[in-house]
Amino acid sequence: MCFSAAASFSASAVCAAAGVMAIRRADRADLPLALIPMIFALHQAIEGLVWMTHAEGWGRHAGYAFAIIAFCLWPVYVPIASWLSESDARRRKFMLFFVGLGAVIALLAAQVLYFGLIIDFATHQIQYLPTTPYPLIFDYLYTACVVGPFWMHRSPYMKIFGCLILAFFAVSTLYFNPARYSVWCFFAALSSVVVYLFIRARAEAGEPGSAAAAG
């Protein structure tokens, strides 16, 4: 099979290592961004549990936890973390649009998940299929919320991270549908190592985050 519990736990370990190093070097304004690899580490560990239990018993709760992080947390967290890290006032104003849009997306996703979630292994990959259909535009608006703020960030590392997320969204949609959410999250998690490179570069250059700059 293409993915497995071992793959998810391995990705979790890589993200956790990157997250620990990023958190240790991040200033207050960049800390929410530095936490992204750690959240991905938790996310992939949860999916490892889904694999191990085949989403049965408490493993089904793990599947819901994975879906909540994927659909409800990221579209809000990414714009807020980017906004806190950015010191350019003009860029921050544009990022606020994605904060609002992300909140709407998260509420709609929570409503869809409330009505039920099918967790299927038919393709030897995990499919998270809401029992209530939603418009296809949801995927594109969601993607805008988790990519747009990174593209607006003045750091080239964040722009690269955004490009990787978008590229893996396209690959997952074209080649791994309908298991695209699981596959996309897996590769996005590994890509979050770029966040550590961003934090390291800021620390070595002595660049303050937005909170420090504002002070």
C-alpha atoms as a PDB file:
ATOM      1  CA  MET A   1       0.000   0.000   0.000  1.00  0.00           C
ATOM      2  CA  CYS A   2       1.142   3.567  -0.601  1.00  0.00           C
ATOM      3  CA  PHE A   3       0.636   4.784   2.952  1.00  0.00           C
ATOM      4  CA  SER A   4       0.427   3.079   6.310  1.00  0.00           C
ATOM      5  CA  ALA A   5       0.618   3.509  10.067  1.00  0.00           C
ATOM      6  CA  ALA A   6       4.414   3.350   9.795  1.00  0.00           C
ATOM      7  CA  ALA A   7       4.422   6.166   7.227  1.00  0.00           C
ATOM      8  CA  SER A   8       2.177   8.336   9.397  1.00  0.00           C
ATOM      9  CA  PHE A   9       4.223   7.769  12.551  1.00  0.00           C
ATOM     10  CA  SER A  10       7.461   8.403  10.647  1.00  0.00           C
ATOM     11  CA  ALA A  11       6.077  11.690   9.320  1.00  0.00           C
ATOM     12  CA  SER A  12       4.979  12.532  12.862  1.00  0.00           C
ATOM     13  CA  ALA A  13       8.513  11.991  14.162  1.00  0.00           C
ATOM     14  CA  VAL A  14      10.047  14.179  11.442  1.00  0.00           C
ATOM     15  CA  CYS A  15       7.542  16.976  12.109  1.00  0.00           C
ATOM     16  CA  ALA A  16       8.030  16.733  15.870  1.00  0.00           C
ATOM     17  CA  ALA A  17      11.798  17.099  15.511  1.00  0.00           C
ATOM     18  CA  ALA A  18      11.391  20.114  13.221  1.00  0.00           C
ATOM     19  CA  GLY A  19       8.792  21.571  15.557  1.00  0.00           C
ATOM     20  CA  VAL A  20      10.941  21.284  18.672  1.00  0.00           C
ATOM     21  CA  MET A  21      13.855  23.010  16.933  1.00  0.00           C
ATOM     22  CA  ALA A  22      11.580  25.735  15.550  1.00  0.00           C
ATOM     23  CA  ILE A  23       9.896  26.436  18.885  1.00  0.00           C
ATOM     24  CA  ARG A  24      13.235  26.709  20.671  1.00  0.00           C
ATOM     25  CA  ARG A  25      14.407  29.460  18.281  1.00  0.00           C
ATOM     26  CA  ALA A  26      11.137  31.316  17.629  1.00  0.00           C
ATOM     27  CA  ASP A  27      10.299  34.681  19.128  1.00  0.00           C
ATOM     28  CA  ARG A  28       6.851  35.467  20.466  1.00  0.00           C
ATOM     29  CA  ALA A  29       5.399  36.693  17.159  1.00  0.00           C
ATOM     30  CA  ASP A  30       6.683  33.689  15.203  1.00  0.00           C
ATOM     31  CA  LEU A  31       5.730  31.082  17.799  1.00  0.00           C
ATOM     32  CA  PRO A  32       2.318  30.246  16.227  1.00  0.00           C
ATOM     33  CA  LEU A  33       4.075  29.506  12.919  1.00  0.00           C
ATOM     34  CA  ALA A  34       6.738  27.491  14.757  1.00  0.00           C
ATOM     35  CA  LEU A  35       3.967  25.357  16.242  1.00  0.00           C
ATOM     36  CA  ILE A  36       2.760  24.249  12.790  1.00  0.00           C
ATOM     37  CA  PRO A  37       5.172  21.268  12.524  1.00  0.00           C
ATOM     38  CA  MET A  38       4.151  20.177  16.036  1.00  0.00           C
ATOM     39  CA  ILE A  39       0.469  20.285  15.116  1.00  0.00           C
ATOM     40  CA  PHE A  40       1.264  18.260  12.012  1.00  0.00           C
ATOM     41  CA  ALA A  41       3.165  15.798  14.221  1.00  0.00           C
ATOM     42  CA  LEU A  42       0.033  15.319  16.333  1.00  0.00           C
ATOM     43  CA  HIS A  43      -2.092  15.130  13.184  1.00  0.00           C
ATOM     44  CA  GLN A  44      -0.016  12.370  11.632  1.00  0.00           C
ATOM     45  CA  ALA A  45       0.184  10.444  14.913  1.00  0.00           C
ATOM     46  CA  ILE A  46      -3.612  10.524  15.082  1.00  0.00           C
ATOM     47  CA  GLU A  47      -3.844   9.144  11.548  1.00  0.00           C
ATOM     48  CA  GLY A  48      -1.376   6.436  12.526  1.00  0.00           C
ATOM     49  CA  LEU A  49      -3.882   5.400  15.183  1.00  0.00           C
ATOM     50  CA  VAL A  50      -6.641   5.394  12.557  1.00  0.00           C
ATOM     51  CA  TRP A  51      -4.523   3.009  10.483  1.00  0.00           C
ATOM     52  CA  MET A  52      -3.798   0.743  13.451  1.00  0.00           C
ATOM     53  CA  THR A  53      -7.442   0.460  14.514  1.00  0.00           C
ATOM     54  CA  HIS A  54      -8.912   0.509  11.008  1.00  0.00           C
ATOM     55  CA  ALA A  55     -11.101   3.342  12.322  1.00  0.00           C
ATOM     56  CA  GLU A  56     -12.979   0.963  14.602  1.00  0.00           C
ATOM     57  CA  GLY A  57     -13.843   1.588  18.249  1.00  0.00           C
ATOM     58  CA  TRP A  58     -11.828   4.471  19.678  1.00  0.00           C
ATOM     59  CA  GLY A  59     -10.042   4.617  16.339  1.00  0.00           C
ATOM     60  CA  ARG A  60     -13.184   6.167  14.895  1.00  0.00           C
ATOM     61  CA  HIS A  61     -12.837   9.001  17.399  1.00  0.00           C
ATOM     62  CA  ALA A  62      -9.268   9.402  16.194  1.00  0.00           C
ATOM     63  CA  GLY A  63     -10.611   9.671  12.646  1.00  0.00           C
ATOM     64  CA  TYR A  64     -12.958  12.465  13.681  1.00  0.00           C
ATOM     65  CA  ALA A  65     -10.083  14.218  15.478  1.00  0.00           C
ATOM     66  CA  PHE A  66      -8.020  14.021  12.285  1.00  0.00           C
ATOM     67  CA  ALA A  67     -10.883  15.489  10.257  1.00  0.00           C
ATOM     68  CA  ILE A  68     -11.512  18.306  12.745  1.00  0.00           C
ATOM     69  CA  ILE A  69      -7.870  19.380  12.644  1.00  0.00           C
ATOM     70  CA  ALA A  70      -7.789  19.125   8.847  1.00  0.00           C
ATOM     71  CA  PHE A  71     -11.074  20.851   8.047  1.00  0.00           C
ATOM     72  CA  CYS A  72     -11.741  23.163  10.995  1.00  0.00           C
ATOM     73  CA  LEU A  73      -8.380  24.128  12.497  1.00  0.00           C
ATOM     74  CA  TRP A  74      -6.065  24.811   9.583  1.00  0.00           C
ATOM     75  CA  PRO A  75      -8.190  27.345   7.613  1.00  0.00           C
ATOM     76  CA  VAL A  76      -8.329  29.558  10.721  1.00  0.00           C
ATOM     77  CA  TYR A  77      -4.958  28.840  12.295  1.00  0.00           C
ATOM     78  CA  VAL A  78      -2.818  29.488   9.205  1.00  0.00           C
ATOM     79  CA  PRO A  79      -4.146  33.031   8.521  1.00  0.00           C
ATOM     80  CA  ILE A  80      -3.913  34.009  12.208  1.00  0.00           C
ATOM     81  CA  ALA A  81      -0.381  32.619  12.609  1.00  0.00           C
ATOM     82  CA  SER A  82       0.745  34.376   9.433  1.00  0.00           C
ATOM     83  CA  TRP A  83      -0.878  37.631  10.521  1.00  0.00           C
ATOM     84  CA  LEU A  84       0.878  37.533  13.897  1.00  0.00           C
ATOM     85  CA  SER A  85       4.249  36.857  12.275  1.00  0.00           C
ATOM     86  CA  GLU A  86       4.039  39.504   9.557  1.00  0.00           C
ATOM     87  CA  SER A  87       5.270  43.025  10.403  1.00  0.00           C
ATOM     88  CA  ASP A  88       4.239  44.798   7.198  1.00  0.00           C
ATOM     89  CA  ALA A  89       0.977  46.649   7.912  1.00  0.00           C
ATOM     90  CA  ARG A  90      -0.320  46.374   4.350  1.00  0.00           C
ATOM     91  CA  ARG A  91       0.239  42.625   4.164  1.00  0.00           C
ATOM     92  CA  ARG A  92      -1.396  42.166   7.568  1.00  0.00           C
ATOM     93  CA  LYS A  93      -4.559  43.923   6.368  1.00  0.00           C
ATOM     94  CA  PHE A  94      -4.887  41.529   3.440  1.00  0.00           C
ATOM     95  CA  MET A  95      -4.293  38.554   5.732  1.00  0.00           C
ATOM     96  CA  LEU A  96      -7.299  39.581   7.828  1.00  0.00           C
ATOM     97  CA  PHE A  97      -9.526  38.736   4.859  1.00  0.00           C
ATOM     98  CA  PHE A  98      -8.336  35.132   5.038  1.00  0.00           C
ATOM     99  CA  VAL A  99      -8.937  35.069   8.792  1.00  0.00           C
ATOM    100  CA  GLY A 100     -12.617  35.872   8.145  1.00  0.00           C
ATOM    101  CA  LEU A 101     -12.916  33.486   5.210  1.00  0.00           C
ATOM    102  CA  GLY A 102     -11.199  30.740   7.196  1.00  0.00           C
ATOM    103  CA  ALA A 103     -13.667  31.171  10.044  1.00  0.00           C
ATOM    104  CA  VAL A 104     -16.584  30.724   7.631  1.00  0.00           C
ATOM    105  CA  ILE A 105     -14.955  27.638   6.092  1.00  0.00           C
ATOM    106  CA  ALA A 106     -14.313  26.142   9.536  1.00  0.00           C
ATOM    107  CA  LEU A 107     -17.948  26.657  10.606  1.00  0.00           C
ATOM    108  CA  LEU A 108     -19.255  25.074   7.399  1.00  0.00           C
ATOM    109  CA  ALA A 109     -16.849  22.152   7.812  1.00  0.00           C
ATOM    110  CA  ALA A 110     -17.950  21.646  11.424  1.00  0.00           C
ATOM    111  CA  GLN A 111     -21.581  21.543  10.291  1.00  0.00           C
ATOM    112  CA  VAL A 112     -20.773  18.948   7.626  1.00  0.00           C
ATOM    113  CA  LEU A 113     -18.840  16.790  10.100  1.00  0.00           C
ATOM    114  CA  TYR A 114     -21.691  17.013  12.597  1.00  0.00           C
ATOM    115  CA  PHE A 115     -23.925  15.089  10.193  1.00  0.00           C
ATOM    116  CA  GLY A 116     -21.453  12.227   9.876  1.00  0.00           C
ATOM    117  CA  LEU A 117     -18.166  11.047   8.436  1.00  0.00           C
ATOM    118  CA  ILE A 118     -17.340   7.859   6.525  1.00  0.00           C
ATOM    119  CA  ILE A 119     -13.791   6.584   6.998  1.00  0.00           C
ATOM    120  CA  ASP A 120     -13.003   4.095   4.266  1.00  0.00           C
ATOM    121  CA  PHE A 121      -9.905   2.040   3.381  1.00  0.00           C
ATOM    122  CA  ALA A 122     -11.120   0.620   0.054  1.00  0.00           C
ATOM    123  CA  THR A 123      -8.232   2.087  -1.972  1.00  0.00           C
ATOM    124  CA  HIS A 124      -5.551   1.110   0.611  1.00  0.00           C
ATOM    125  CA  GLN A 125      -5.500   4.775   1.546  1.00  0.00           C
ATOM    126  CA  ILE A 126      -7.773   6.490   4.040  1.00  0.00           C
ATOM    127  CA  GLN A 127     -10.778   8.280   2.626  1.00  0.00           C
ATOM    128  CA  TYR A 128     -12.558  10.831   4.813  1.00  0.00           C
ATOM    129  CA  LEU A 129     -15.967  11.197   3.194  1.00  0.00           C
ATOM    130  CA  PRO A 130     -18.610  13.467   4.758  1.00  0.00           C
ATOM    131  CA  THR A 131     -22.078  11.946   4.584  1.00  0.00           C
ATOM    132  CA  THR A 132     -23.456  15.370   3.661  1.00  0.00           C
ATOM    133  CA  PRO A 133     -22.094  16.541   0.287  1.00  0.00           C
ATOM    134  CA  TYR A 134     -20.643  20.028   0.014  1.00  0.00           C
ATOM    135  CA  PRO A 135     -19.939  22.138  -3.094  1.00  0.00           C
ATOM    136  CA  LEU A 136     -16.613  21.557  -4.828  1.00  0.00           C
ATOM    137  CA  ILE A 137     -15.818  25.239  -4.364  1.00  0.00           C
ATOM    138  CA  PHE A 138     -15.290  24.416  -0.677  1.00  0.00           C
ATOM    139  CA  ASP A 139     -11.978  22.742  -1.531  1.00  0.00           C
ATOM    140  CA  TYR A 140     -10.762  25.766  -3.464  1.00  0.00           C
ATOM    141  CA  LEU A 141     -11.775  28.290  -0.808  1.00  0.00           C
ATOM    142  CA  TYR A 142     -10.150  26.076   1.826  1.00  0.00           C
ATOM    143  CA  THR A 143      -6.964  25.925  -0.225  1.00  0.00           C
ATOM    144  CA  ALA A 144      -6.971  29.702  -0.576  1.00  0.00           C
ATOM    145  CA  CYS A 145      -7.094  30.039   3.214  1.00  0.00           C
ATOM    146  CA  VAL A 146      -4.105  27.756   3.820  1.00  0.00           C
ATOM    147  CA  VAL A 147      -2.010  29.008   0.891  1.00  0.00           C
ATOM    148  CA  GLY A 148      -2.862  32.707   0.475  1.00  0.00           C
ATOM    149  CA  PRO A 149      -1.473  33.914   3.827  1.00  0.00           C
ATOM    150  CA  PHE A 150       1.852  32.180   3.177  1.00  0.00           C
ATOM    151  CA  TRP A 151       2.107  33.776  -0.251  1.00  0.00           C
ATOM    152  CA  MET A 152       1.461  37.193   1.308  1.00  0.00           C
ATOM    153  CA  HIS A 153       4.163  36.742   3.928  1.00  0.00           C
ATOM    154  CA  ARG A 154       7.347  38.676   3.206  1.00  0.00           C
ATOM    155  CA  SER A 155       9.539  35.643   3.918  1.00  0.00           C
ATOM    156  CA  PRO A 156      10.525  33.586   0.846  1.00  0.00           C
ATOM    157  CA  TYR A 157      10.441  30.473   3.058  1.00  0.00           C
ATOM    158  CA  MET A 158       6.743  30.989   3.739  1.00  0.00           C
ATOM    159  CA  LYS A 159       6.106  31.542   0.042  1.00  0.00           C
ATOM    160  CA  ILE A 160       7.896  28.266  -0.717  1.00  0.00           C
ATOM    161  CA  PHE A 161       5.823  26.498   1.938  1.00  0.00           C
ATOM    162  CA  GLY A 162       2.651  27.858   0.336  1.00  0.00           C
ATOM    163  CA  CYS A 163       3.783  26.691  -3.109  1.00  0.00           C
ATOM    164  CA  LEU A 164       4.487  23.194  -1.781  1.00  0.00           C
ATOM    165  CA  ILE A 165       1.060  22.995  -0.154  1.00  0.00           C
ATOM    166  CA  LEU A 166      -0.625  24.067  -3.395  1.00  0.00           C
ATOM    167  CA  ALA A 167       1.432  21.627  -5.474  1.00  0.00           C
ATOM    168  CA  PHE A 168       0.540  18.723  -3.200  1.00  0.00           C
ATOM    169  CA  PHE A 169      -3.115  19.753  -3.276  1.00  0.00           C
ATOM    170  CA  ALA A 170      -3.018  19.432  -7.068  1.00  0.00           C
ATOM    171  CA  VAL A 171      -1.182  16.097  -6.974  1.00  0.00           C
ATOM    172  CA  SER A 172      -3.510  14.675  -4.321  1.00  0.00           C
ATOM    173  CA  THR A 173      -6.618  15.789  -6.206  1.00  0.00           C
ATOM    174  CA  LEU A 174      -5.434  14.489  -9.581  1.00  0.00           C
ATOM    175  CA  TYR A 175      -3.913  11.170  -8.527  1.00  0.00           C
ATOM    176  CA  PHE A 176      -5.265  10.193  -5.117  1.00  0.00           C
ATOM    177  CA  ASN A 177      -8.922  11.172  -5.208  1.00  0.00           C
ATOM    178  CA  PRO A 178     -11.064  10.467  -3.128  1.00  0.00           C
ATOM    179  CA  ALA A 179      -8.307   9.888  -0.547  1.00  0.00           C
ATOM    180  CA  ARG A 180      -6.933  13.339  -1.337  1.00  0.00           C
ATOM    181  CA  TYR A 181      -7.337  14.782   2.156  1.00  0.00           C
ATOM    182  CA  SER A 182      -5.247  12.100   3.813  1.00  0.00           C
ATOM    183  CA  VAL A 183      -2.538  12.221   1.145  1.00  0.00           C
ATOM    184  CA  TRP A 184      -2.485  16.022   1.035  1.00  0.00           C
ATOM    185  CA  CYS A 185      -2.084  16.270   4.806  1.00  0.00           C
ATOM    186  CA  PHE A 186       0.726  13.707   4.740  1.00  0.00           C
ATOM    187  CA  PHE A 187       2.817  15.649   2.229  1.00  0.00           C
ATOM    188  CA  ALA A 188       1.923  19.029   3.730  1.00  0.00           C
ATOM    189  CA  ALA A 189       3.148  17.703   7.066  1.00  0.00           C
ATOM    190  CA  LEU A 190       6.528  16.762   5.612  1.00  0.00           C
ATOM    191  CA  SER A 191       6.701  20.150   3.878  1.00  0.00           C
ATOM    192  CA  SER A 192       6.330  21.902   7.229  1.00  0.00           C
ATOM    193  CA  VAL A 193      10.066  21.348   7.763  1.00  0.00           C
ATOM    194  CA  VAL A 194      10.333  24.583   5.745  1.00  0.00           C
ATOM    195  CA  VAL A 195       8.873  26.382   8.773  1.00  0.00           C
ATOM    196  CA  TYR A 196      11.951  25.457  10.785  1.00  0.00           C
ATOM    197  CA  LEU A 197      14.179  26.865   8.015  1.00  0.00           C
ATOM    198  CA  PHE A 198      12.173  30.093   8.198  1.00  0.00           C
ATOM    199  CA  ILE A 199      12.543  30.339  11.987  1.00  0.00           C
ATOM    200  CA  ARG A 200      16.262  29.554  11.796  1.00  0.00           C
ATOM    201  CA  ALA A 201      16.826  32.168   9.102  1.00  0.00           C
ATOM    202  CA  ARG A 202      14.975  34.818  11.126  1.00  0.00           C
ATOM    203  CA  ALA A 203      16.963  33.986  14.255  1.00  0.00           C
ATOM    204  CA  GLU A 204      20.306  34.049  12.471  1.00  0.00           C
ATOM    205  CA  ALA A 205      19.481  37.353  10.778  1.00  0.00           C
ATOM    206  CA  GLY A 206      18.236  38.845  14.035  1.00  0.00           C
ATOM    207  CA  GLU A 207      14.909  39.784  12.439  1.00  0.00           C
ATOM    208  CA  PRO A 208      12.137  40.458  14.960  1.00  0.00           C
ATOM    209  CA  GLY A 209       8.587  39.274  14.405  1.00  0.00           C
ATOM    210  CA  SER A 210       5.684  41.678  14.172  1.00  0.00           C
ATOM    211  CA  ALA A 211       5.168  41.889  17.929  1.00  0.00           C
ATOM    212  CA  ALA A 212       8.774  42.828  18.535  1.00  0.00           C
ATOM    213  CA  ALA A 213       8.766  45.273  15.631  1.00  0.00           C
ATOM    214  CA  ALA A 214       5.634  46.941  16.925  1.00  0.00           C
ATOM    215  CA  GLY A 215       7.314  47.395  20.317  1.00  0.00           C
END
